[in-house]
Amino acid sequence: MDRKDLLKIGDFARLAETNLRTLRYYEELGLLSPAARSAGGFRYYRKTDVNRLNMIRHMQDLGLQLEQVGELMTSREEMLDQEAFLSRVRIALRAQDSLLMKRIGELEDQRMRIARSLTKVTECATCKAKPSKDNNYCEPCSITGMPLPLPISALF
């Protein structure tokens, strides 16, 4: 591999919007390895290694611990036959898809709670009571007698 096609660790860190410490830590964990090292030990990365770093970030954002990310991403380093390699890639992608689906469900739940809160705030516009310590800051609601939706209860 021609070194002119590689990036020094500092340049790669800027491209990847991360820091040297993170890159070294990921290398220590076996998540991301430099494409080459100079005789003096300087690390060099391919521009495309940023894709691997982004996948690590995405998996972390979805709730995977770095150890789990490492287990899913070992395919590149292991000498597997084509079928075993593709199987491992499918497993990693399905795991990521499963995490995304779970996160989408959580976000949809949050949206429903916000929608209920918006409905409640609209209802509050017709109420004569104003939040104060005399009415326990509208908790429970003086119109319905029900607790306020969680996303807005701390605001009243």
Protein backbone atom coordinates (compact mmCIF):
# COMPACT_ATOMS: atom_id res chain seq x y z
CA MET A 1 0.00 0.00 0.00
CA ASP A 2 1.37 3.37 -0.99
CA ARG A 3 1.79 5.57 2.08
CA LYS A 4 0.73 8.65 0.08
CA ASP A 5 -2.82 7.18 0.07
CA LEU A 6 -2.78 7.01 3.87
CA LEU A 7 -3.45 9.62 6.54
CA LYS A 8 -1.34 10.25 9.60
CA ILE A 9 -3.26 9.68 12.82
CA GLY A 10 -3.79 13.41 13.46
CA ASP A 11 -5.17 14.01 9.97
CA PHE A 12 -7.37 10.94 10.26
CA ALA A 13 -8.66 12.11 13.67
CA ARG A 14 -9.66 15.47 12.15
CA LEU A 15 -11.37 13.75 9.20
CA ALA A 16 -13.20 11.40 11.57
CA GLU A 17 -14.05 14.23 13.97
CA THR A 18 -12.52 12.43 16.92
CA ASN A 19 -9.35 12.62 18.94
CA LEU A 20 -6.10 10.68 19.12
CA ARG A 21 -6.97 9.19 22.49
CA THR A 22 -10.16 7.60 21.12
CA LEU A 23 -8.30 6.17 18.12
CA ARG A 24 -5.62 4.67 20.33
CA TYR A 25 -8.26 3.28 22.71
CA TYR A 26 -10.18 1.68 19.85
CA GLU A 27 -6.94 0.18 18.60
CA GLU A 28 -6.22 -1.19 22.08
CA LEU A 29 -9.67 -2.83 22.09
CA GLY A 30 -9.13 -4.24 18.60
CA LEU A 31 -11.94 -2.19 17.07
CA LEU A 32 -9.88 -0.09 14.68
CA SER A 33 -6.38 -0.79 13.47
CA PRO A 34 -4.09 1.48 11.50
CA ALA A 35 -3.48 0.36 7.93
CA ALA A 36 0.26 0.80 8.42
CA ARG A 37 2.94 2.05 10.79
CA SER A 38 6.08 3.93 9.97
CA ALA A 39 9.49 2.75 11.09
CA GLY A 40 9.13 5.24 13.95
CA GLY A 41 5.78 3.75 15.00
CA PHE A 42 3.53 6.47 13.57
CA ARG A 43 0.04 5.23 12.73
CA TYR A 44 -1.43 5.63 9.25
CA TYR A 45 -5.08 5.11 8.31
CA ARG A 46 -7.04 4.73 5.09
CA LYS A 47 -9.69 7.39 4.43
CA THR A 48 -12.25 4.58 4.30
CA ASP A 49 -11.40 3.62 7.91
CA VAL A 50 -13.70 6.50 8.87
CA ASN A 51 -16.59 4.25 7.78
CA ARG A 52 -15.56 1.65 10.36
CA LEU A 53 -15.25 4.34 13.02
CA ASN A 54 -18.71 5.65 12.15
CA MET A 55 -20.18 2.15 12.41
CA ILE A 56 -18.64 1.80 15.87
CA ARG A 57 -20.22 5.13 16.87
CA HIS A 58 -23.61 4.14 15.47
CA MET A 59 -23.59 0.86 17.35
CA GLN A 60 -22.65 2.67 20.56
CA ASP A 61 -25.43 5.21 19.97
CA LEU A 62 -27.81 2.26 19.72
CA GLY A 63 -26.74 1.01 23.12
CA LEU A 64 -24.07 -1.60 22.39
CA GLN A 65 -21.06 -1.74 24.67
CA LEU A 66 -17.68 -1.57 22.95
CA GLU A 67 -17.04 -5.22 23.78
CA GLN A 68 -20.21 -6.20 21.90
CA VAL A 69 -19.26 -3.95 18.99
CA GLY A 70 -15.91 -5.70 18.84
CA GLU A 71 -17.55 -9.11 18.70
CA LEU A 72 -19.67 -8.04 15.77
CA MET A 73 -16.84 -6.39 13.90
CA THR A 74 -14.18 -9.11 14.08
CA SER A 75 -14.97 -10.38 10.60
CA ARG A 76 -12.38 -8.18 8.92
CA GLU A 77 -9.48 -9.42 11.02
CA GLU A 78 -10.29 -13.11 11.03
CA MET A 79 -9.36 -15.22 8.06
CA LEU A 80 -12.76 -16.64 7.21
CA ASP A 81 -13.95 -18.34 4.07
CA GLN A 82 -16.37 -16.34 1.95
CA GLU A 83 -19.51 -17.98 3.38
CA ALA A 84 -18.41 -17.56 7.01
CA PHE A 85 -17.42 -13.96 6.35
CA LEU A 86 -20.76 -13.09 4.72
CA SER A 87 -22.60 -14.86 7.54
CA ARG A 88 -20.76 -12.74 10.11
CA VAL A 89 -21.54 -9.55 8.16
CA ARG A 90 -25.24 -10.52 8.01
CA ILE A 91 -25.26 -11.12 11.77
CA ALA A 92 -23.69 -7.70 12.40
CA LEU A 93 -26.16 -5.94 10.11
CA ARG A 94 -29.16 -7.75 11.59
CA ALA A 95 -27.99 -6.86 15.10
CA GLN A 96 -27.68 -3.22 14.10
CA ASP A 97 -31.11 -3.31 12.43
CA SER A 98 -32.63 -4.86 15.55
CA LEU A 99 -31.15 -2.10 17.69
CA LEU A 100 -32.46 0.52 15.27
CA MET A 101 -35.96 -0.97 15.39
CA LYS A 102 -35.88 -0.92 19.19
CA ARG A 103 -34.73 2.72 19.16
CA ILE A 104 -37.45 3.63 16.64
CA GLY A 105 -40.03 2.10 18.98
CA GLU A 106 -38.67 4.14 21.88
CA LEU A 107 -38.79 7.31 19.79
CA GLU A 108 -42.36 6.57 18.69
CA ASP A 109 -43.34 6.17 22.36
CA GLN A 110 -41.76 9.53 23.13
CA ARG A 111 -43.66 11.14 20.25
CA MET A 112 -46.95 9.73 21.59
CA ARG A 113 -46.21 11.17 25.05
CA ILE A 114 -45.45 14.54 23.50
CA ALA A 115 -48.67 14.42 21.45
CA ARG A 116 -50.66 13.73 24.64
CA SER A 117 -48.86 16.60 26.32
CA LEU A 118 -49.68 18.97 23.46
CA THR A 119 -53.33 17.97 23.71
CA LYS A 120 -53.23 18.64 27.44
CA VAL A 121 -51.60 22.05 26.97
CA THR A 122 -54.40 22.96 24.54
CA GLU A 123 -56.90 21.92 27.22
CA CYS A 124 -55.06 24.08 29.75
CA ALA A 125 -55.79 27.18 27.65
CA THR A 126 -59.45 27.02 28.74
CA CYS A 127 -58.67 26.45 32.44
CA LYS A 128 -59.08 29.28 34.92
CA ALA A 129 -56.52 27.81 37.34
CA LYS A 130 -52.97 29.02 36.99
CA PRO A 131 -50.13 26.86 38.27
CA SER A 132 -49.25 27.91 41.83
CA LYS A 133 -48.37 26.32 45.13
CA ASP A 134 -52.00 26.88 46.21
CA ASN A 135 -53.21 24.32 43.64
CA ASN A 136 -50.13 22.08 43.83
CA TYR A 137 -49.03 23.50 40.48
CA CYS A 138 -52.02 21.92 38.69
CA GLU A 139 -51.11 18.42 39.80
CA PRO A 140 -53.57 16.75 39.47
CA CYS A 141 -55.37 18.67 36.75
CA SER A 142 -58.29 20.73 38.08
CA ILE A 143 -60.32 19.95 34.92
CA THR A 144 -59.90 16.17 34.74
CA GLY A 145 -58.56 15.30 38.18
CA MET A 146 -55.90 13.21 36.43
CA PRO A 147 -52.12 13.53 36.75
CA LEU A 148 -50.46 15.65 34.10
CA PRO A 149 -48.59 13.84 31.31
CA LEU A 150 -44.99 13.21 32.37
CA PRO A 151 -43.32 15.38 29.71
CA ILE A 152 -45.10 18.49 31.08
CA SER A 153 -45.66 17.68 34.75
CA ALA A 154 -42.34 19.24 35.75
CA LEU A 155 -43.29 22.45 33.93
CA PHE A 156 -46.45 23.02 35.95
